């Protein structure tokens, strides 16, 4: 595995949180422009952010589980 790929696989928490926040803000702006309703776009943006956080947690959980499985074998 190349060094660049190894560094990108680590899922660093501050960078991931910043990227998810930026993506959620952009998603919120696009949703507001499309629908024109602030509360509805805020709800969609919150759901989007929660789904991204869930995916991040699942990725971290999978990495820890696979490392534990590899070391216990």
C-alpha atoms as a PDB file:
ATOM      1  CA  UNK A   1       0.000   0.000   0.000  1.00  0.00           C
ATOM      2  CA  UNK A   2       1.422   3.366  -0.928  1.00  0.00           C
ATOM      3  CA  UNK A   3       2.217   5.971   1.722  1.00  0.00           C
ATOM      4  CA  UNK A   4      -0.398   8.398   0.387  1.00  0.00           C
ATOM      5  CA  UNK A   5      -3.109   5.748   0.485  1.00  0.00           C
ATOM      6  CA  UNK A   6      -2.118   4.657   3.998  1.00  0.00           C
ATOM      7  CA  UNK A   7      -2.408   8.251   5.251  1.00  0.00           C
ATOM      8  CA  UNK A   8      -5.821   8.759   3.648  1.00  0.00           C
ATOM      9  CA  UNK A   9      -7.263   5.561   5.167  1.00  0.00           C
ATOM     10  CA  UNK A  10      -6.738   6.694   8.788  1.00  0.00           C
ATOM     11  CA  UNK A  11     -10.003   8.726   8.973  1.00  0.00           C
ATOM     12  CA  UNK A  12      -8.657  11.542  11.121  1.00  0.00           C
ATOM     13  CA  UNK A  13     -11.463  12.894  13.294  1.00  0.00           C
ATOM     14  CA  UNK A  14     -10.902  16.685  13.033  1.00  0.00           C
ATOM     15  CA  UNK A  15     -10.515  16.618   9.253  1.00  0.00           C
ATOM     16  CA  UNK A  16     -13.499  14.288   8.822  1.00  0.00           C
ATOM     17  CA  UNK A  17     -15.674  16.469  11.061  1.00  0.00           C
ATOM     18  CA  UNK A  18     -14.688  19.613   9.157  1.00  0.00           C
ATOM     19  CA  UNK A  19     -15.400  17.947   5.810  1.00  0.00           C
ATOM     20  CA  UNK A  20     -18.768  16.656   7.005  1.00  0.00           C
ATOM     21  CA  UNK A  21     -19.690  20.100   8.328  1.00  0.00           C
ATOM     22  CA  UNK A  22     -18.771  21.778   5.057  1.00  0.00           C
ATOM     23  CA  UNK A  23     -20.686  19.153   3.067  1.00  0.00           C
ATOM     24  CA  UNK A  24     -23.729  19.618   5.322  1.00  0.00           C
ATOM     25  CA  UNK A  25     -23.639  23.409   4.923  1.00  0.00           C
ATOM     26  CA  UNK A  26     -23.445  23.087   1.142  1.00  0.00           C
ATOM     27  CA  UNK A  27     -26.257  20.535   1.223  1.00  0.00           C
ATOM     28  CA  UNK A  28     -28.331  22.901   3.365  1.00  0.00           C
ATOM     29  CA  UNK A  29     -27.796  25.815   0.991  1.00  0.00           C
ATOM     30  CA  UNK A  30     -28.731  23.721  -2.035  1.00  0.00           C
ATOM     31  CA  UNK A  31     -31.796  22.323  -0.251  1.00  0.00           C
ATOM     32  CA  UNK A  32     -32.903  25.816   0.774  1.00  0.00           C
ATOM     33  CA  UNK A  33     -32.468  27.121  -2.775  1.00  0.00           C
ATOM     34  CA  UNK A  34     -34.455  24.184  -4.130  1.00  0.00           C
ATOM     35  CA  UNK A  35     -37.314  24.187  -1.598  1.00  0.00           C
ATOM     36  CA  UNK A  36     -37.374  27.745  -0.264  1.00  0.00           C
ATOM     37  CA  UNK A  37     -38.348  26.584   3.242  1.00  0.00           C
ATOM     38  CA  UNK A  38     -35.757  27.184   5.967  1.00  0.00           C
ATOM     39  CA  UNK A  39     -37.110  24.727   8.569  1.00  0.00           C
ATOM     40  CA  UNK A  40     -37.525  21.934   6.055  1.00  0.00           C
ATOM     41  CA  UNK A  41     -33.999  22.420   4.696  1.00  0.00           C
ATOM     42  CA  UNK A  42     -32.647  22.539   8.267  1.00  0.00           C
ATOM     43  CA  UNK A  43     -34.319  19.202   8.999  1.00  0.00           C
ATOM     44  CA  UNK A  44     -32.897  17.631   5.828  1.00  0.00           C
ATOM     45  CA  UNK A  45     -29.459  19.026   6.618  1.00  0.00           C
ATOM     46  CA  UNK A  46     -29.588  17.616  10.156  1.00  0.00           C
ATOM     47  CA  UNK A  47     -30.559  14.185   8.842  1.00  0.00           C
ATOM     48  CA  UNK A  48     -27.761  14.385   6.272  1.00  0.00           C
ATOM     49  CA  UNK A  49     -25.222  15.244   8.984  1.00  0.00           C
ATOM     50  CA  UNK A  50     -26.437  12.435  11.244  1.00  0.00           C
ATOM     51  CA  UNK A  51     -26.204   9.908   8.414  1.00  0.00           C
ATOM     52  CA  UNK A  52     -22.636  10.998   7.663  1.00  0.00           C
ATOM     53  CA  UNK A  53     -21.725  10.723  11.361  1.00  0.00           C
ATOM     54  CA  UNK A  54     -23.254   7.234  11.480  1.00  0.00           C
ATOM     55  CA  UNK A  55     -21.221   6.215   8.432  1.00  0.00           C
ATOM     56  CA  UNK A  56     -18.052   7.606   9.997  1.00  0.00           C
ATOM     57  CA  UNK A  57     -18.736   5.704  13.227  1.00  0.00           C
ATOM     58  CA  UNK A  58     -19.387   2.498  11.265  1.00  0.00           C
ATOM     59  CA  UNK A  59     -16.102   2.976   9.380  1.00  0.00           C
ATOM     60  CA  UNK A  60     -14.141   3.451  12.596  1.00  0.00           C
ATOM     61  CA  UNK A  61     -15.905   0.491  14.194  1.00  0.00           C
ATOM     62  CA  UNK A  62     -15.085  -1.703  11.187  1.00  0.00           C
ATOM     63  CA  UNK A  63     -11.425  -0.650  11.231  1.00  0.00           C
ATOM     64  CA  UNK A  64     -11.096  -1.422  14.952  1.00  0.00           C
ATOM     65  CA  UNK A  65     -12.947  -4.727  14.577  1.00  0.00           C
ATOM     66  CA  UNK A  66     -10.831  -5.863  11.605  1.00  0.00           C
ATOM     67  CA  UNK A  67      -7.599  -4.920  13.407  1.00  0.00           C
ATOM     68  CA  UNK A  68      -8.725  -6.807  16.524  1.00  0.00           C
ATOM     69  CA  UNK A  69      -9.667  -9.820  14.384  1.00  0.00           C
ATOM     70  CA  UNK A  70      -6.317  -9.699  12.586  1.00  0.00           C
ATOM     71  CA  UNK A  71      -4.324  -9.497  15.829  1.00  0.00           C
ATOM     72  CA  UNK A  72      -6.295 -12.228  17.602  1.00  0.00           C
ATOM     73  CA  UNK A  73      -5.710 -14.717  14.772  1.00  0.00           C
END
